[in-house]
């Protein structure tokens, strides 16, 4: 992966509809503006588990989705209620 800061717009073009692990992200309010791409995949769990080893040396990391999430998406236990 590159060790260059890229904007969220570039991330969305380069990794469409993928989960992206970002090192040293720039965040404003609750929106991710960009960061250093450490790992990416269509599988969020893969990003969490495999990407964990790639976070050494970064003071902050975050995961962002480079696409549009479904509006009616149910999360975790809420989908069972």
N, C-alpha and C. Protein backbone atom coordinates (compact mmCIF):
# COMPACT_ATOMS: atom_id res chain seq x y z
N UNK A 1 0.84 -1.18 0.00
CA UNK A 1 0.00 0.00 0.00
C UNK A 1 0.89 1.25 0.00
N UNK A 2 0.30 2.33 -0.46
CA UNK A 2 1.03 3.61 -0.45
C UNK A 2 1.09 4.15 0.96
N UNK A 3 2.11 4.95 1.25
CA UNK A 3 2.18 5.61 2.55
C UNK A 3 1.96 7.11 2.36
N UNK A 4 1.06 7.43 1.44
CA UNK A 4 0.75 8.82 1.09
C UNK A 4 -0.69 9.11 1.48
N UNK A 5 -0.91 10.26 2.10
CA UNK A 5 -2.27 10.70 2.46
C UNK A 5 -3.06 10.92 1.18
N UNK A 6 -4.25 10.33 1.11
CA UNK A 6 -5.14 10.60 -0.01
C UNK A 6 -6.54 10.94 0.50
N UNK A 7 -7.23 11.75 -0.27
CA UNK A 7 -8.56 12.21 0.14
C UNK A 7 -9.58 11.09 0.01
N UNK A 8 -10.70 11.25 0.69
CA UNK A 8 -11.76 10.25 0.65
C UNK A 8 -12.33 10.14 -0.77
N UNK A 9 -12.33 11.21 -1.52
CA UNK A 9 -12.81 11.16 -2.91
C UNK A 9 -11.92 10.25 -3.74
N UNK A 10 -10.59 10.37 -3.57
CA UNK A 10 -9.66 9.50 -4.29
C UNK A 10 -9.81 8.05 -3.84
N UNK A 11 -10.01 7.85 -2.54
CA UNK A 11 -10.19 6.50 -2.00
C UNK A 11 -11.42 5.85 -2.62
N UNK A 12 -12.51 6.61 -2.73
CA UNK A 12 -13.74 6.08 -3.32
C UNK A 12 -13.56 5.71 -4.78
N UNK A 13 -12.73 6.44 -5.52
CA UNK A 13 -12.45 6.14 -6.92
C UNK A 13 -11.55 4.91 -7.05
N UNK A 14 -10.55 4.83 -6.18
CA UNK A 14 -9.54 3.77 -6.26
C UNK A 14 -10.04 2.44 -5.70
N UNK A 15 -10.89 2.49 -4.65
CA UNK A 15 -11.40 1.29 -3.97
C UNK A 15 -12.92 1.33 -3.86
N UNK A 16 -13.64 1.36 -4.98
CA UNK A 16 -15.11 1.50 -4.90
C UNK A 16 -15.76 0.32 -4.19
N UNK A 17 -16.70 0.66 -3.31
CA UNK A 17 -17.49 -0.32 -2.56
C UNK A 17 -16.64 -1.29 -1.76
N UNK A 18 -15.52 -0.80 -1.21
CA UNK A 18 -14.65 -1.61 -0.35
C UNK A 18 -14.51 -0.93 1.01
N UNK A 19 -14.19 -1.75 2.01
CA UNK A 19 -13.85 -1.25 3.33
C UNK A 19 -12.37 -0.92 3.31
N UNK A 20 -12.00 0.23 3.86
CA UNK A 20 -10.63 0.71 3.79
C UNK A 20 -10.14 1.05 5.19
N UNK A 21 -8.99 0.50 5.56
CA UNK A 21 -8.34 0.81 6.83
C UNK A 21 -7.40 1.98 6.59
N UNK A 22 -7.58 3.06 7.34
CA UNK A 22 -6.79 4.27 7.15
C UNK A 22 -5.93 4.56 8.38
N UNK A 23 -4.67 4.88 8.13
CA UNK A 23 -3.77 5.31 9.19
C UNK A 23 -3.73 6.83 9.22
N UNK A 24 -3.59 7.39 10.41
CA UNK A 24 -3.56 8.85 10.61
C UNK A 24 -4.66 9.55 9.81
N UNK A 25 -5.92 9.14 10.01
CA UNK A 25 -7.02 9.73 9.24
C UNK A 25 -7.28 11.17 9.63
N UNK A 26 -7.77 11.93 8.67
CA UNK A 26 -8.26 13.28 8.96
C UNK A 26 -9.77 13.16 9.07
N UNK A 27 -10.29 13.53 10.25
CA UNK A 27 -11.72 13.39 10.52
C UNK A 27 -12.26 14.75 10.96
N UNK A 28 -13.40 15.12 10.38
CA UNK A 28 -14.06 16.36 10.77
C UNK A 28 -15.47 15.99 11.19
N UNK A 29 -15.83 16.33 12.43
CA UNK A 29 -17.08 15.88 13.05
C UNK A 29 -17.09 14.36 13.01
N UNK A 30 -17.95 13.73 12.24
CA UNK A 30 -17.95 12.27 12.14
C UNK A 30 -17.61 11.80 10.72
N UNK A 31 -17.14 12.71 9.89
CA UNK A 31 -16.82 12.38 8.50
C UNK A 31 -15.32 12.19 8.30
N UNK A 32 -14.96 11.12 7.60
CA UNK A 32 -13.56 10.88 7.27
C UNK A 32 -13.25 11.67 6.00
N UNK A 33 -12.19 12.49 6.06
CA UNK A 33 -11.80 13.31 4.92
C UNK A 33 -10.68 12.68 4.11
N UNK A 34 -9.95 11.74 4.73
CA UNK A 34 -8.84 11.08 4.03
C UNK A 34 -7.92 10.41 5.01
N UNK A 35 -6.84 9.83 4.50
CA UNK A 35 -5.86 9.17 5.34
C UNK A 35 -4.89 8.36 4.50
N UNK A 36 -4.08 7.57 5.17
CA UNK A 36 -3.11 6.70 4.50
C UNK A 36 -3.73 5.30 4.43
N UNK A 37 -3.91 4.79 3.23
CA UNK A 37 -4.54 3.48 3.06
C UNK A 37 -3.56 2.39 3.51
N UNK A 38 -3.99 1.63 4.53
CA UNK A 38 -3.16 0.55 5.06
C UNK A 38 -3.61 -0.81 4.53
N UNK A 39 -4.91 -0.95 4.28
CA UNK A 39 -5.46 -2.22 3.79
C UNK A 39 -6.86 -1.96 3.27
N UNK A 40 -7.30 -2.76 2.31
CA UNK A 40 -8.66 -2.62 1.78
C UNK A 40 -9.18 -3.96 1.31
N UNK A 41 -10.49 -4.14 1.39
CA UNK A 41 -11.14 -5.37 0.97
C UNK A 41 -12.65 -5.15 0.91
N UNK A 42 -13.34 -6.01 0.17
CA UNK A 42 -14.81 -5.98 0.16
C UNK A 42 -15.36 -6.55 1.46
N UNK A 43 -14.53 -7.30 2.19
CA UNK A 43 -14.93 -7.97 3.43
C UNK A 43 -14.47 -7.15 4.64
N UNK A 44 -15.42 -6.60 5.39
CA UNK A 44 -15.08 -5.75 6.55
C UNK A 44 -14.31 -6.53 7.61
N UNK A 45 -14.69 -7.79 7.85
CA UNK A 45 -13.99 -8.59 8.86
C UNK A 45 -12.53 -8.81 8.47
N UNK A 46 -12.28 -9.01 7.19
CA UNK A 46 -10.90 -9.18 6.71
C UNK A 46 -10.09 -7.92 6.99
N UNK A 47 -10.67 -6.76 6.75
CA UNK A 47 -9.98 -5.50 7.01
C UNK A 47 -9.65 -5.39 8.50
N UNK A 48 -10.59 -5.78 9.35
CA UNK A 48 -10.38 -5.69 10.80
C UNK A 48 -9.27 -6.63 11.27
N UNK A 49 -9.31 -7.88 10.82
CA UNK A 49 -8.38 -8.88 11.34
C UNK A 49 -7.01 -8.84 10.65
N UNK A 50 -6.98 -8.83 9.34
CA UNK A 50 -5.69 -8.80 8.63
C UNK A 50 -5.06 -7.43 8.73
N UNK A 51 -5.89 -6.39 8.67
CA UNK A 51 -5.38 -5.03 8.73
C UNK A 51 -4.77 -4.65 10.08
N UNK A 52 -5.17 -5.36 11.12
CA UNK A 52 -4.68 -5.05 12.47
C UNK A 52 -3.15 -5.07 12.54
N UNK A 53 -2.53 -5.99 11.81
CA UNK A 53 -1.07 -6.10 11.81
C UNK A 53 -0.39 -4.95 11.07
N UNK A 54 -1.13 -4.18 10.32
CA UNK A 54 -0.57 -3.10 9.51
C UNK A 54 -0.68 -1.73 10.18
N UNK A 55 -1.15 -1.69 11.42
CA UNK A 55 -1.39 -0.41 12.08
C UNK A 55 -0.22 0.08 12.94
N UNK A 56 0.84 -0.73 13.04
CA UNK A 56 2.00 -0.34 13.84
C UNK A 56 2.58 0.98 13.34
N UNK A 57 2.83 1.88 14.26
CA UNK A 57 3.44 3.16 13.91
C UNK A 57 2.46 4.29 13.65
N UNK A 58 1.18 3.98 13.69
CA UNK A 58 0.16 5.02 13.47
C UNK A 58 -0.52 5.33 14.79
N UNK A 59 -0.63 6.61 15.09
CA UNK A 59 -1.25 7.01 16.37
C UNK A 59 -2.76 6.79 16.36
N UNK A 60 -3.39 6.96 15.21
CA UNK A 60 -4.82 6.70 15.09
C UNK A 60 -5.09 5.96 13.78
N UNK A 61 -6.13 5.13 13.81
CA UNK A 61 -6.58 4.43 12.61
C UNK A 61 -8.10 4.42 12.61
N UNK A 62 -8.67 4.24 11.45
CA UNK A 62 -10.12 4.11 11.33
C UNK A 62 -10.44 3.25 10.12
N UNK A 63 -11.67 2.78 10.07
CA UNK A 63 -12.16 2.03 8.92
C UNK A 63 -13.28 2.84 8.28
N UNK A 64 -13.22 2.98 6.97
CA UNK A 64 -14.24 3.72 6.23
C UNK A 64 -14.74 2.85 5.08
N UNK A 65 -16.00 3.05 4.69
CA UNK A 65 -16.54 2.35 3.54
C UNK A 65 -16.52 3.28 2.35
N UNK A 66 -15.90 2.85 1.26
CA UNK A 66 -15.75 3.69 0.06
C UNK A 66 -16.90 3.41 -0.91
N UNK A 67 -18.10 3.64 -0.45
CA UNK A 67 -19.28 3.42 -1.28
C UNK A 67 -20.50 3.94 -0.55
N UNK A 68 -21.65 3.48 -0.96
CA UNK A 68 -22.90 3.89 -0.32
C UNK A 68 -23.49 2.69 0.42
N UNK A 69 -23.78 2.88 1.69
CA UNK A 69 -24.42 1.83 2.48
C UNK A 69 -25.92 1.89 2.27
N UNK A 70 -26.58 0.76 2.34
CA UNK A 70 -28.03 0.71 2.19
C UNK A 70 -28.68 1.46 3.34
N UNK A 71 -29.71 2.21 3.04
CA UNK A 71 -30.40 3.02 4.05
C UNK A 71 -31.11 2.16 5.09
N UNK A 72 -31.66 1.04 4.70
CA UNK A 72 -32.44 0.20 5.62
C UNK A 72 -31.60 -0.90 6.25
N UNK A 73 -30.34 -0.68 6.39
CA UNK A 73 -29.44 -1.68 6.93
C UNK A 73 -29.66 -1.84 8.43
N UNK A 74 -29.79 -3.08 8.87
CA UNK A 74 -29.93 -3.37 10.30
C UNK A 74 -28.59 -3.85 10.82
N UNK A 75 -28.27 -3.43 12.03
CA UNK A 75 -26.95 -3.72 12.58
C UNK A 75 -27.07 -4.64 13.80
N UNK A 76 -26.26 -5.71 13.77
CA UNK A 76 -26.11 -6.58 14.93
C UNK A 76 -27.41 -7.08 15.52
N UNK A 77 -27.55 -6.90 16.82
CA UNK A 77 -28.69 -7.42 17.55
C UNK A 77 -30.00 -6.76 17.12
N UNK A 78 -29.92 -5.55 16.58
CA UNK A 78 -31.14 -4.85 16.17
C UNK A 78 -31.86 -5.59 15.04
N UNK A 79 -31.11 -6.37 14.25
CA UNK A 79 -31.76 -7.10 13.17
C UNK A 79 -32.57 -8.28 13.69
N UNK A 80 -32.35 -8.67 14.94
CA UNK A 80 -33.07 -9.80 15.52
C UNK A 80 -34.27 -9.37 16.34
N UNK A 81 -34.42 -8.10 16.62
CA UNK A 81 -35.51 -7.60 17.46
C UNK A 81 -36.75 -7.38 16.62
